Amino acid sequence: MSVYVAASSLFVLLVGLTVGLISFTNLKYYLPGYGTQTQRKALVHYKVKIDSLELASRKKDLYLEELKRVLSGNVSAQPRDTSALEIPETEIETQ
């Protein structure tokens, strides 16, 4: 039983020392996926910028496809609702 307790204690101590060594020294920068705060902020900034560029690119591609359809004459005549809207007037209560 004492061998089991000693081995378990040694294992816990070694794991604790390893975690402490990595956490409180510069060894953490060698772990994949871990970077400095500046690098993380830059990564988020560039990710947002890339997302907005992808959206702009998709919108531009859609616009060009629609323009090609119009110029080639492949436009389907879609009826447009141009009638005036009837908006009911609301009663304004004065006190």
C-alpha atoms as a PDB file:
ATOM      1  CA  MET A   1       0.000   0.000   0.000  1.00  0.00           C
ATOM      2  CA  SER A   2       2.850   2.371   0.798  1.00  0.00           C
ATOM      3  CA  VAL A   3       4.344   1.776  -2.671  1.00  0.00           C
ATOM      4  CA  TYR A   4       1.027   2.776  -4.270  1.00  0.00           C
ATOM      5  CA  VAL A   5       0.811   5.956  -2.153  1.00  0.00           C
ATOM      6  CA  ALA A   6       4.427   6.843  -2.925  1.00  0.00           C
ATOM      7  CA  ALA A   7       3.997   6.257  -6.668  1.00  0.00           C
ATOM      8  CA  SER A   8       0.752   8.280  -6.752  1.00  0.00           C
ATOM      9  CA  SER A   9       2.332  11.114  -4.798  1.00  0.00           C
ATOM     10  CA  LEU A  10       5.353  11.142  -7.098  1.00  0.00           C
ATOM     11  CA  PHE A  11       3.091  11.180 -10.165  1.00  0.00           C
ATOM     12  CA  VAL A  12       1.017  14.112  -8.815  1.00  0.00           C
ATOM     13  CA  LEU A  13       4.178  16.004  -7.883  1.00  0.00           C
ATOM     14  CA  LEU A  14       5.741  15.511 -11.326  1.00  0.00           C
ATOM     15  CA  VAL A  15       2.545  16.565 -13.114  1.00  0.00           C
ATOM     16  CA  GLY A  16       2.287  19.646 -10.898  1.00  0.00           C
ATOM     17  CA  LEU A  17       5.912  20.596 -11.522  1.00  0.00           C
ATOM     18  CA  THR A  18       5.528  20.108 -15.276  1.00  0.00           C
ATOM     19  CA  VAL A  19       2.374  22.234 -15.431  1.00  0.00           C
ATOM     20  CA  GLY A  20       3.999  24.916 -13.297  1.00  0.00           C
ATOM     21  CA  LEU A  21       7.165  24.899 -15.402  1.00  0.00           C
ATOM     22  CA  ILE A  22       5.209  25.324 -18.623  1.00  0.00           C
ATOM     23  CA  SER A  23       2.753  27.875 -17.222  1.00  0.00           C
ATOM     24  CA  PHE A  24       5.197  30.230 -15.523  1.00  0.00           C
ATOM     25  CA  THR A  25       8.105  30.178 -17.994  1.00  0.00           C
ATOM     26  CA  ASN A  26       8.551  30.978 -21.670  1.00  0.00           C
ATOM     27  CA  LEU A  27       8.124  27.301 -22.543  1.00  0.00           C
ATOM     28  CA  LYS A  28       4.407  27.965 -23.077  1.00  0.00           C
ATOM     29  CA  TYR A  29       5.213  29.809 -26.315  1.00  0.00           C
ATOM     30  CA  TYR A  30       6.502  26.549 -27.804  1.00  0.00           C
ATOM     31  CA  LEU A  31       3.088  24.913 -27.405  1.00  0.00           C
ATOM     32  CA  PRO A  32       1.005  24.865 -30.591  1.00  0.00           C
ATOM     33  CA  GLY A  33      -1.881  27.331 -30.500  1.00  0.00           C
ATOM     34  CA  TYR A  34      -0.403  29.495 -27.767  1.00  0.00           C
ATOM     35  CA  GLY A  35       0.791  32.972 -28.611  1.00  0.00           C
ATOM     36  CA  THR A  36       1.232  36.376 -27.104  1.00  0.00           C
ATOM     37  CA  GLN A  37      -1.665  38.720 -26.426  1.00  0.00           C
ATOM     38  CA  THR A  38      -0.557  40.927 -29.324  1.00  0.00           C
ATOM     39  CA  GLN A  39      -0.588  37.980 -31.699  1.00  0.00           C
ATOM     40  CA  ARG A  40      -4.084  36.968 -30.583  1.00  0.00           C
ATOM     41  CA  LYS A  41      -5.409  40.515 -31.086  1.00  0.00           C
ATOM     42  CA  ALA A  42      -3.851  40.657 -34.546  1.00  0.00           C
ATOM     43  CA  LEU A  43      -5.355  37.262 -35.388  1.00  0.00           C
ATOM     44  CA  VAL A  44      -8.852  38.419 -34.404  1.00  0.00           C
ATOM     45  CA  HIS A  45      -8.392  41.665 -36.355  1.00  0.00           C
ATOM     46  CA  TYR A  46      -7.312  39.856 -39.505  1.00  0.00           C
ATOM     47  CA  LYS A  47     -10.082  37.272 -39.147  1.00  0.00           C
ATOM     48  CA  VAL A  48     -12.708  40.034 -39.066  1.00  0.00           C
ATOM     49  CA  LYS A  49     -11.071  41.743 -42.032  1.00  0.00           C
ATOM     50  CA  ILE A  50     -10.993  38.500 -44.050  1.00  0.00           C
ATOM     51  CA  ASP A  51     -14.660  37.834 -43.266  1.00  0.00           C
ATOM     52  CA  SER A  52     -15.649  41.289 -44.499  1.00  0.00           C
ATOM     53  CA  LEU A  53     -13.547  40.868 -47.652  1.00  0.00           C
ATOM     54  CA  GLU A  54     -15.195  37.504 -48.356  1.00  0.00           C
ATOM     55  CA  LEU A  55     -18.626  39.091 -47.961  1.00  0.00           C
ATOM     56  CA  ALA A  56     -17.691  41.961 -50.301  1.00  0.00           C
ATOM     57  CA  SER A  57     -16.337  39.462 -52.822  1.00  0.00           C
ATOM     58  CA  ARG A  58     -19.561  37.417 -52.723  1.00  0.00           C
ATOM     59  CA  LYS A  59     -21.649  40.574 -53.210  1.00  0.00           C
ATOM     60  CA  LYS A  60     -19.478  41.652 -56.129  1.00  0.00           C
ATOM     61  CA  ASP A  61     -19.754  38.217 -57.761  1.00  0.00           C
ATOM     62  CA  LEU A  62     -23.539  38.258 -57.374  1.00  0.00           C
ATOM     63  CA  TYR A  63     -23.696  41.758 -58.862  1.00  0.00           C
ATOM     64  CA  LEU A  64     -21.571  40.707 -61.846  1.00  0.00           C
ATOM     65  CA  GLU A  65     -23.715  37.611 -62.445  1.00  0.00           C
ATOM     66  CA  GLU A  66     -26.879  39.727 -62.409  1.00  0.00           C
ATOM     67  CA  LEU A  67     -25.250  42.272 -64.724  1.00  0.00           C
ATOM     68  CA  LYS A  68     -24.278  39.498 -67.160  1.00  0.00           C
ATOM     69  CA  ARG A  69     -27.863  38.224 -67.121  1.00  0.00           C
ATOM     70  CA  VAL A  70     -29.238  41.685 -67.836  1.00  0.00           C
ATOM     71  CA  LEU A  71     -26.762  42.384 -70.630  1.00  0.00           C
ATOM     72  CA  SER A  72     -27.392  39.018 -72.282  1.00  0.00           C
ATOM     73  CA  GLY A  73     -31.155  39.546 -72.143  1.00  0.00           C
ATOM     74  CA  ASN A  74     -31.913  36.569 -69.885  1.00  0.00           C
ATOM     75  CA  VAL A  75     -34.024  38.618 -67.536  1.00  0.00           C
ATOM     76  CA  SER A  76     -37.355  37.168 -66.525  1.00  0.00           C
ATOM     77  CA  ALA A  77     -40.143  39.699 -66.357  1.00  0.00           C
ATOM     78  CA  GLN A  78     -41.097  39.776 -62.726  1.00  0.00           C
ATOM     79  CA  PRO A  79     -44.187  41.777 -61.889  1.00  0.00           C
ATOM     80  CA  ARG A  80     -43.420  44.633 -59.574  1.00  0.00           C
ATOM     81  CA  ASP A  81     -45.874  45.789 -56.975  1.00  0.00           C
ATOM     82  CA  THR A  82     -46.022  49.517 -57.561  1.00  0.00           C
ATOM     83  CA  SER A  83     -49.376  50.190 -55.944  1.00  0.00           C
ATOM     84  CA  ALA A  84     -49.537  52.651 -53.119  1.00  0.00           C
ATOM     85  CA  LEU A  85     -49.661  51.258 -49.627  1.00  0.00           C
ATOM     86  CA  GLU A  86     -52.745  51.942 -47.580  1.00  0.00           C
ATOM     87  CA  ILE A  87     -51.549  52.803 -44.114  1.00  0.00           C
ATOM     88  CA  PRO A  88     -54.338  53.300 -41.589  1.00  0.00           C
ATOM     89  CA  GLU A  89     -54.156  56.448 -39.588  1.00  0.00           C
ATOM     90  CA  THR A  90     -53.801  55.997 -35.859  1.00  0.00           C
ATOM     91  CA  GLU A  91     -55.730  58.029 -33.414  1.00  0.00           C
ATOM     92  CA  ILE A  92     -53.659  60.378 -31.348  1.00  0.00           C
ATOM     93  CA  GLU A  93     -55.115  60.800 -27.922  1.00  0.00           C
ATOM     94  CA  THR A  94     -54.728  64.149 -26.235  1.00  0.00           C
ATOM     95  CA  GLN A  95     -55.085  64.381 -22.565  1.00  0.00           C
END
